[in-house]
Amino acid sequence: ASAVGGEPRGRFIVSADGLDKALALLREIAGADPEAEAAILSLTYAKGLAKPGPDGRLMWTIEFEGGDVTVNGSPLPTGK
């Protein structure tokens, strides 16, 4: 990440595994915790944006510049 000339920009690569287990756990507690439903939706959305990495883990390349954000090349709404 950098802020050359006051314009922030950056690139991050994030990887994860075990999201299916996390989703299963959230589904188990969804009846007792209303916030679990929001977490399920968010995690499912994030999983949908992922690409498989060389080791089988899910990968996200997050880039931002000039107020625009992309994840694996897909633009995200930023409200600007």
PDB file of N, CA and C in Angstrom:
ATOM      1  N   ALA A   1       0.849  -1.183   0.000  1.00  0.00           N
ATOM      2  CA  ALA A   1       0.000   0.000   0.000  1.00  0.00           C
ATOM      3  C   ALA A   1       0.884   1.233   0.000  1.00  0.00           C
ATOM      4  N   SER A   2       0.385   2.297  -0.597  1.00  0.00           N
ATOM      5  CA  SER A   2       1.130   3.546  -0.610  1.00  0.00           C
ATOM      6  C   SER A   2       0.166   4.716  -0.695  1.00  0.00           C
ATOM      7  N   ALA A   3       0.698   5.890  -0.410  1.00  0.00           N
ATOM      8  CA  ALA A   3      -0.092   7.119  -0.503  1.00  0.00           C
ATOM      9  C   ALA A   3       0.755   8.198  -1.162  1.00  0.00           C
ATOM     10  N   VAL A   4       1.197   7.938  -2.375  1.00  0.00           N
ATOM     11  CA  VAL A   4       2.011   8.881  -3.116  1.00  0.00           C
ATOM     12  C   VAL A   4       1.107  10.009  -3.615  1.00  0.00           C
ATOM     13  N   GLY A   5       1.508  11.228  -3.353  1.00  0.00           N
ATOM     14  CA  GLY A   5       0.720  12.368  -3.811  1.00  0.00           C
ATOM     15  C   GLY A   5      -0.643  12.449  -3.153  1.00  0.00           C
ATOM     16  N   GLY A   6      -0.825  11.827  -1.993  1.00  0.00           N
ATOM     17  CA  GLY A   6      -2.080  11.881  -1.266  1.00  0.00           C
ATOM     18  C   GLY A   6      -3.144  10.917  -1.754  1.00  0.00           C
ATOM     19  N   GLU A   7      -2.888  10.195  -2.826  1.00  0.00           N
ATOM     20  CA  GLU A   7      -3.873   9.254  -3.376  1.00  0.00           C
ATOM     21  C   GLU A   7      -3.528   7.833  -2.900  1.00  0.00           C
ATOM     22  N   PRO A   8      -4.287   7.304  -1.947  1.00  0.00           N
ATOM     23  CA  PRO A   8      -3.954   5.964  -1.461  1.00  0.00           C
ATOM     24  C   PRO A   8      -4.220   4.889  -2.518  1.00  0.00           C
ATOM     25  N   ARG A   9      -3.342   3.910  -2.552  1.00  0.00           N
ATOM     26  CA  ARG A   9      -3.544   2.770  -3.429  1.00  0.00           C
ATOM     27  C   ARG A   9      -2.816   1.582  -2.811  1.00  0.00           C
ATOM     28  N   GLY A  10      -3.275   0.411  -3.167  1.00  0.00           N
ATOM     29  CA  GLY A  10      -2.632  -0.766  -2.604  1.00  0.00           C
ATOM     30  C   GLY A  10      -3.134  -2.043  -3.224  1.00  0.00           C
ATOM     31  N   ARG A  11      -2.430  -3.101  -2.887  1.00  0.00           N
ATOM     32  CA  ARG A  11      -2.770  -4.441  -3.376  1.00  0.00           C
ATOM     33  C   ARG A  11      -2.461  -5.426  -2.266  1.00  0.00           C
ATOM     34  N   PHE A  12      -3.448  -6.215  -1.912  1.00  0.00           N
ATOM     35  CA  PHE A  12      -3.295  -7.210  -0.866  1.00  0.00           C
ATOM     36  C   PHE A  12      -3.758  -8.557  -1.396  1.00  0.00           C
ATOM     37  N   ILE A  13      -3.086  -9.585  -0.997  1.00  0.00           N
ATOM     38  CA  ILE A  13      -3.513 -10.939  -1.336  1.00  0.00           C
ATOM     39  C   ILE A  13      -3.837 -11.654  -0.027  1.00  0.00           C
ATOM     40  N   VAL A  14      -5.056 -12.164   0.049  1.00  0.00           N
ATOM     41  CA  VAL A  14      -5.547 -12.843   1.244  1.00  0.00           C
ATOM     42  C   VAL A  14      -5.910 -14.262   0.853  1.00  0.00           C
ATOM     43  N   SER A  15      -5.597 -15.223   1.714  1.00  0.00           N
ATOM     44  CA  SER A  15      -6.004 -16.609   1.447  1.00  0.00           C
ATOM     45  C   SER A  15      -6.631 -17.199   2.700  1.00  0.00           C
ATOM     46  N   ALA A  16      -7.473 -18.194   2.488  1.00  0.00           N
ATOM     47  CA  ALA A  16      -8.155 -18.834   3.618  1.00  0.00           C
ATOM     48  C   ALA A  16      -8.586 -20.239   3.232  1.00  0.00           C
ATOM     49  N   ASP A  17      -8.755 -21.054   4.231  1.00  0.00           N
ATOM     50  CA  ASP A  17      -9.389 -22.351   4.038  1.00  0.00           C
ATOM     51  C   ASP A  17     -10.335 -22.572   5.214  1.00  0.00           C
ATOM     52  N   GLY A  18     -11.155 -23.570   5.138  1.00  0.00           N
ATOM     53  CA  GLY A  18     -12.089 -23.857   6.217  1.00  0.00           C
ATOM     54  C   GLY A  18     -13.362 -23.036   6.197  1.00  0.00           C
ATOM     55  N   LEU A  19     -13.640 -22.334   5.094  1.00  0.00           N
ATOM     56  CA  LEU A  19     -14.852 -21.513   5.067  1.00  0.00           C
ATOM     57  C   LEU A  19     -16.117 -22.368   5.105  1.00  0.00           C
ATOM     58  N   ASP A  20     -16.057 -23.553   4.529  1.00  0.00           N
ATOM     59  CA  ASP A  20     -17.232 -24.434   4.593  1.00  0.00           C
ATOM     60  C   ASP A  20     -17.539 -24.813   6.034  1.00  0.00           C
ATOM     61  N   LYS A  21     -16.505 -25.065   6.835  1.00  0.00           N
ATOM     62  CA  LYS A  21     -16.706 -25.385   8.259  1.00  0.00           C
ATOM     63  C   LYS A  21     -17.278 -24.188   9.004  1.00  0.00           C
ATOM     64  N   ALA A  22     -16.769 -23.003   8.682  1.00  0.00           N
ATOM     65  CA  ALA A  22     -17.274 -21.787   9.329  1.00  0.00           C
ATOM     66  C   ALA A  22     -18.740 -21.558   8.977  1.00  0.00           C
ATOM     67  N   LEU A  23     -19.098 -21.761   7.714  1.00  0.00           N
ATOM     68  CA  LEU A  23     -20.503 -21.608   7.303  1.00  0.00           C
ATOM     69  C   LEU A  23     -21.395 -22.620   7.991  1.00  0.00           C
ATOM     70  N   ALA A  24     -20.923 -23.853   8.116  1.00  0.00           N
ATOM     71  CA  ALA A  24     -21.720 -24.888   8.800  1.00  0.00           C
ATOM     72  C   ALA A  24     -21.960 -24.509  10.257  1.00  0.00           C
ATOM     73  N   LEU A  25     -20.943 -23.998  10.930  1.00  0.00           N
ATOM     74  CA  LEU A  25     -21.093 -23.579  12.321  1.00  0.00           C
ATOM     75  C   LEU A  25     -22.071 -22.420  12.436  1.00  0.00           C
ATOM     76  N   LEU A  26     -21.957 -21.446  11.535  1.00  0.00           N
ATOM     77  CA  LEU A  26     -22.878 -20.316  11.567  1.00  0.00           C
ATOM     78  C   LEU A  26     -24.318 -20.759  11.340  1.00  0.00           C
ATOM     79  N   ARG A  27     -24.513 -21.722  10.458  1.00  0.00           N
ATOM     80  CA  ARG A  27     -25.873 -22.223  10.217  1.00  0.00           C
ATOM     81  C   ARG A  27     -26.437 -22.900  11.462  1.00  0.00           C
ATOM     82  N   GLU A  28     -25.576 -23.576  12.224  1.00  0.00           N
ATOM     83  CA  GLU A  28     -26.026 -24.229  13.463  1.00  0.00           C
ATOM     84  C   GLU A  28     -26.507 -23.215  14.487  1.00  0.00           C
ATOM     85  N   ILE A  29     -25.834 -22.075  14.574  1.00  0.00           N
ATOM     86  CA  ILE A  29     -26.192 -21.095  15.608  1.00  0.00           C
ATOM     87  C   ILE A  29     -27.136 -20.007  15.107  1.00  0.00           C
ATOM     88  N   ALA A  30     -27.503 -20.052  13.843  1.00  0.00           N
ATOM     89  CA  ALA A  30     -28.326 -18.992  13.256  1.00  0.00           C
ATOM     90  C   ALA A  30     -29.644 -18.800  13.989  1.00  0.00           C
ATOM     91  N   GLY A  31     -30.256 -19.867  14.486  1.00  0.00           N
ATOM     92  CA  GLY A  31     -31.526 -19.734  15.194  1.00  0.00           C
ATOM     93  C   GLY A  31     -31.393 -19.017  16.517  1.00  0.00           C
ATOM     94  N   ALA A  32     -30.234 -19.155  17.162  1.00  0.00           N
ATOM     95  CA  ALA A  32     -30.020 -18.551  18.472  1.00  0.00           C
ATOM     96  C   ALA A  32     -29.389 -17.164  18.396  1.00  0.00           C
ATOM     97  N   ASP A  33     -28.759 -16.850  17.280  1.00  0.00           N
ATOM     98  CA  ASP A  33     -28.071 -15.566  17.151  1.00  0.00           C
ATOM     99  C   ASP A  33     -28.450 -14.907  15.822  1.00  0.00           C
ATOM    100  N   PRO A  34     -29.272 -13.865  15.873  1.00  0.00           N
ATOM    101  CA  PRO A  34     -29.717 -13.218  14.637  1.00  0.00           C
ATOM    102  C   PRO A  34     -28.576 -12.647  13.801  1.00  0.00           C
ATOM    103  N   GLU A  35     -27.471 -12.303  14.408  1.00  0.00           N
ATOM    104  CA  GLU A  35     -26.347 -11.756  13.659  1.00  0.00           C
ATOM    105  C   GLU A  35     -25.651 -12.830  12.827  1.00  0.00           C
ATOM    106  N   ALA A  36     -25.902 -14.084  13.129  1.00  0.00           N
ATOM    107  CA  ALA A  36     -25.294 -15.174  12.367  1.00  0.00           C
ATOM    108  C   ALA A  36     -25.792 -15.159  10.924  1.00  0.00           C
ATOM    109  N   GLU A  37     -27.033 -14.783  10.703  1.00  0.00           N
ATOM    110  CA  GLU A  37     -27.572 -14.731   9.338  1.00  0.00           C
ATOM    111  C   GLU A  37     -26.798 -13.723   8.490  1.00  0.00           C
ATOM    112  N   ALA A  38     -26.499 -12.562   9.059  1.00  0.00           N
ATOM    113  CA  ALA A  38     -25.724 -11.551   8.327  1.00  0.00           C
ATOM    114  C   ALA A  38     -24.320 -12.070   8.046  1.00  0.00           C
ATOM    115  N   ALA A  39     -23.739 -12.775   9.001  1.00  0.00           N
ATOM    116  CA  ALA A  39     -22.404 -13.337   8.809  1.00  0.00           C
ATOM    117  C   ALA A  39     -22.415 -14.403   7.715  1.00  0.00           C
ATOM    118  N   ILE A  40     -23.475 -15.202   7.660  1.00  0.00           N
ATOM    119  CA  ILE A  40     -23.604 -16.220   6.615  1.00  0.00           C
ATOM    120  C   ILE A  40     -23.650 -15.562   5.242  1.00  0.00           C
ATOM    121  N   LEU A  41     -24.443 -14.513   5.106  1.00  0.00           N
ATOM    122  CA  LEU A  41     -24.542 -13.808   3.828  1.00  0.00           C
ATOM    123  C   LEU A  41     -23.201 -13.200   3.423  1.00  0.00           C
ATOM    124  N   SER A  42     -22.528 -12.570   4.364  1.00  0.00           N
ATOM    125  CA  SER A  42     -21.242 -11.937   4.068  1.00  0.00           C
ATOM    126  C   SER A  42     -20.184 -12.960   3.689  1.00  0.00           C
ATOM    127  N   LEU A  43     -20.112 -14.051   4.431  1.00  0.00           N
ATOM    128  CA  LEU A  43     -19.116 -15.076   4.153  1.00  0.00           C
ATOM    129  C   LEU A  43     -19.394 -15.784   2.828  1.00  0.00           C
ATOM    130  N   THR A  44     -20.669 -16.001   2.530  1.00  0.00           N
ATOM    131  CA  THR A  44     -21.037 -16.613   1.250  1.00  0.00           C
ATOM    132  C   THR A  44     -20.661 -15.698   0.092  1.00  0.00           C
ATOM    133  N   TYR A  45     -20.890 -14.390   0.252  1.00  0.00           N
ATOM    134  CA  TYR A  45     -20.514 -13.416  -0.774  1.00  0.00           C
ATOM    135  C   TYR A  45     -18.999 -13.419  -0.977  1.00  0.00           C
ATOM    136  N   ALA A  46     -18.265 -13.379   0.114  1.00  0.00           N
ATOM    137  CA  ALA A  46     -16.804 -13.385   0.029  1.00  0.00           C
ATOM    138  C   ALA A  46     -16.299 -14.661  -0.631  1.00  0.00           C
ATOM    139  N   LYS A  47     -16.880 -15.778  -0.284  1.00  0.00           N
ATOM    140  CA  LYS A  47     -16.478 -17.056  -0.882  1.00  0.00           C
ATOM    141  C   LYS A  47     -16.737 -17.040  -2.389  1.00  0.00           C
ATOM    142  N   GLY A  48     -17.831 -16.413  -2.807  1.00  0.00           N
ATOM    143  CA  GLY A  48     -18.156 -16.320  -4.225  1.00  0.00           C
ATOM    144  C   GLY A  48     -17.170 -15.475  -5.012  1.00  0.00           C
ATOM    145  N   LEU A  49     -16.507 -14.528  -4.349  1.00  0.00           N
ATOM    146  CA  LEU A  49     -15.521 -13.683  -5.014  1.00  0.00           C
ATOM    147  C   LEU A  49     -14.142 -14.351  -5.098  1.00  0.00           C
ATOM    148  N   ALA A  50     -13.946 -15.416  -4.351  1.00  0.00           N
ATOM    149  CA  ALA A  50     -12.632 -16.061  -4.264  1.00  0.00           C
ATOM    150  C   ALA A  50     -12.284 -16.839  -5.528  1.00  0.00           C
ATOM    151  N   LYS A  51     -10.982 -17.033  -5.691  1.00  0.00           N
ATOM    152  CA  LYS A  51     -10.456 -17.903  -6.744  1.00  0.00           C
ATOM    153  C   LYS A  51      -9.632 -18.990  -6.051  1.00  0.00           C
ATOM    154  N   PRO A  52      -9.612 -20.189  -6.623  1.00  0.00           N
ATOM    155  CA  PRO A  52      -8.791 -21.227  -5.999  1.00  0.00           C
ATOM    156  C   PRO A  52      -7.306 -20.943  -6.192  1.00  0.00           C
ATOM    157  N   GLY A  53      -6.553 -21.110  -5.124  1.00  0.00           N
ATOM    158  CA  GLY A  53      -5.110 -20.930  -5.195  1.00  0.00           C
ATOM    159  C   GLY A  53      -4.419 -22.230  -5.571  1.00  0.00           C
ATOM    160  N   PRO A  54      -3.121 -22.180  -5.779  1.00  0.00           N
ATOM    161  CA  PRO A  54      -2.385 -23.367  -6.203  1.00  0.00           C
ATOM    162  C   PRO A  54      -2.404 -24.495  -5.168  1.00  0.00           C
ATOM    163  N   ASP A  55      -2.589 -24.145  -3.900  1.00  0.00           N
ATOM    164  CA  ASP A  55      -2.608 -25.160  -2.847  1.00  0.00           C
ATOM    165  C   ASP A  55      -4.027 -25.546  -2.428  1.00  0.00           C
ATOM    166  N   GLY A  56      -5.020 -25.082  -3.181  1.00  0.00           N
ATOM    167  CA  GLY A  56      -6.410 -25.402  -2.873  1.00  0.00           C
ATOM    168  C   GLY A  56      -7.089 -24.404  -1.946  1.00  0.00           C
ATOM    169  N   ARG A  57      -6.315 -23.507  -1.360  1.00  0.00           N
ATOM    170  CA  ARG A  57      -6.913 -22.479  -0.502  1.00  0.00           C
ATOM    171  C   ARG A  57      -7.613 -21.445  -1.380  1.00  0.00           C
ATOM    172  N   LEU A  58      -8.597 -20.768  -0.829  1.00  0.00           N
ATOM    173  CA  LEU A  58      -9.274 -19.696  -1.545  1.00  0.00           C
ATOM    174  C   LEU A  58      -8.408 -18.444  -1.487  1.00  0.00           C
ATOM    175  N   MET A  59      -8.398 -17.690  -2.601  1.00  0.00           N
ATOM    176  CA  MET A  59      -7.535 -16.510  -2.706  1.00  0.00           C
ATOM    177  C   MET A  59      -8.356 -15.292  -3.148  1.00  0.00           C
ATOM    178  N   TRP A  60      -8.015 -14.158  -2.554  1.00  0.00           N
ATOM    179  CA  TRP A  60      -8.603 -12.883  -2.941  1.00  0.00           C
ATOM    180  C   TRP A  60      -7.477 -11.885  -3.172  1.00  0.00           C
ATOM    181  N   THR A  61      -7.435 -11.287  -4.343  1.00  0.00           N
ATOM    182  CA  THR A  61      -6.513 -10.186  -4.610  1.00  0.00           C
ATOM    183  C   THR A  61      -7.335  -8.913  -4.534  1.00  0.00           C
ATOM    184  N   ILE A  62      -7.058  -8.117  -3.521  1.00  0.00           N
ATOM    185  CA  ILE A  62      -7.819  -6.899  -3.254  1.00  0.00           C
ATOM    186  C   ILE A  62      -6.953  -5.718  -3.663  1.00  0.00           C
ATOM    187  N   GLU A  63      -7.489  -4.886  -4.572  1.00  0.00           N
ATOM    188  CA  GLU A  63      -6.757  -3.721  -5.045  1.00  0.00           C
ATOM    189  C   GLU A  63      -7.624  -2.479  -4.872  1.00  0.00           C
ATOM    190  N   PHE A  64      -6.985  -1.386  -4.476  1.00  0.00           N
ATOM    191  CA  PHE A  64      -7.722  -0.124  -4.370  1.00  0.00           C
ATOM    192  C   PHE A  64      -6.855   1.010  -4.883  1.00  0.00           C
ATOM    193  N   GLU A  65      -7.536   1.944  -5.556  1.00  0.00           N
ATOM    194  CA  GLU A  65      -6.866   3.129  -6.089  1.00  0.00           C
ATOM    195  C   GLU A  65      -7.927   4.158  -6.456  1.00  0.00           C
ATOM    196  N   GLY A  66      -7.712   5.371  -6.021  1.00  0.00           N
ATOM    197  CA  GLY A  66      -8.625   6.462  -6.377  1.00  0.00           C
ATOM    198  C   GLY A  66     -10.056   6.237  -5.925  1.00  0.00           C
ATOM    199  N   GLY A  67     -10.259   5.541  -4.835  1.00  0.00           N
ATOM    200  CA  GLY A  67     -11.606   5.281  -4.341  1.00  0.00           C
ATOM    201  C   GLY A  67     -12.262   4.053  -4.925  1.00  0.00           C
ATOM    202  N   ASP A  68     -11.644   3.420  -5.920  1.00  0.00           N
ATOM    203  CA  ASP A  68     -12.177   2.198  -6.517  1.00  0.00           C
ATOM    204  C   ASP A  68     -11.548   0.983  -5.839  1.00  0.00           C
ATOM    205  N   VAL A  69     -12.361  -0.025  -5.605  1.00  0.00           N
ATOM    206  CA  VAL A  69     -11.887  -1.263  -4.983  1.00  0.00           C
ATOM    207  C   VAL A  69     -12.310  -2.430  -5.861  1.00  0.00           C
ATOM    208  N   THR A  70     -11.368  -3.341  -6.112  1.00  0.00           N
ATOM    209  CA  THR A  70     -11.693  -4.565  -6.839  1.00  0.00           C
ATOM    210  C   THR A  70     -11.219  -5.761  -6.032  1.00  0.00           C
ATOM    211  N   VAL A  71     -11.934  -6.856  -6.200  1.00  0.00           N
ATOM    212  CA  VAL A  71     -11.538  -8.135  -5.619  1.00  0.00           C
ATOM    213  C   VAL A  71     -11.472  -9.133  -6.757  1.00  0.00           C
ATOM    214  N   ASN A  72     -10.288  -9.651  -7.001  1.00  0.00           N
ATOM    215  CA  ASN A  72     -10.046 -10.550  -8.128  1.00  0.00           C
ATOM    216  C   ASN A  72     -10.586  -9.962  -9.436  1.00  0.00           C
ATOM    217  N   GLY A  73     -10.416  -8.654  -9.575  1.00  0.00           N
ATOM    218  CA  GLY A  73     -10.822  -7.974 -10.800  1.00  0.00           C
ATOM    219  C   GLY A  73     -12.269  -7.523 -10.845  1.00  0.00           C
ATOM    220  N   SER A  74     -13.087  -7.939  -9.881  1.00  0.00           N
ATOM    221  CA  SER A  74     -14.498  -7.527  -9.845  1.00  0.00           C
ATOM    222  C   SER A  74     -14.641  -6.266  -8.998  1.00  0.00           C
ATOM    223  N   PRO A  75     -15.246  -5.220  -9.559  1.00  0.00           N
ATOM    224  CA  PRO A  75     -15.402  -3.978  -8.781  1.00  0.00           C
ATOM    225  C   PRO A  75     -16.407  -4.158  -7.649  1.00  0.00           C
ATOM    226  N   LEU A  76     -16.099  -3.525  -6.539  1.00  0.00           N
ATOM    227  CA  LEU A  76     -17.021  -3.507  -5.388  1.00  0.00           C
ATOM    228  C   LEU A  76     -17.665  -2.128  -5.304  1.00  0.00           C
ATOM    229  N   PRO A  77     -18.931  -2.079  -4.895  1.00  0.00           N
ATOM    230  CA  PRO A  77     -19.558  -0.774  -4.710  1.00  0.00           C
ATOM    231  C   PRO A  77     -18.922  -0.067  -3.516  1.00  0.00           C
ATOM    232  N   THR A  78     -18.547   1.197  -3.692  1.00  0.00           N
ATOM    233  CA  THR A  78     -17.913   1.938  -2.615  1.00  0.00           C
ATOM    234  C   THR A  78     -18.760   3.103  -2.108  1.00  0.00           C
ATOM    235  N   GLY A  79     -19.873   3.367  -2.762  1.00  0.00           N
ATOM    236  CA  GLY A  79     -20.749   4.440  -2.327  1.00  0.00           C
ATOM    237  C   GLY A  79     -20.253   5.836  -2.666  1.00  0.00           C
ATOM    238  N   LYS A  80     -19.270   5.906  -3.577  1.00  0.00           N
ATOM    239  CA  LYS A  80     -18.771   7.245  -3.917  1.00  0.00           C
ATOM    240  C   LYS A  80     -19.572   7.869  -5.001  1.00  0.00           C
TER     241      LYS A  80
END
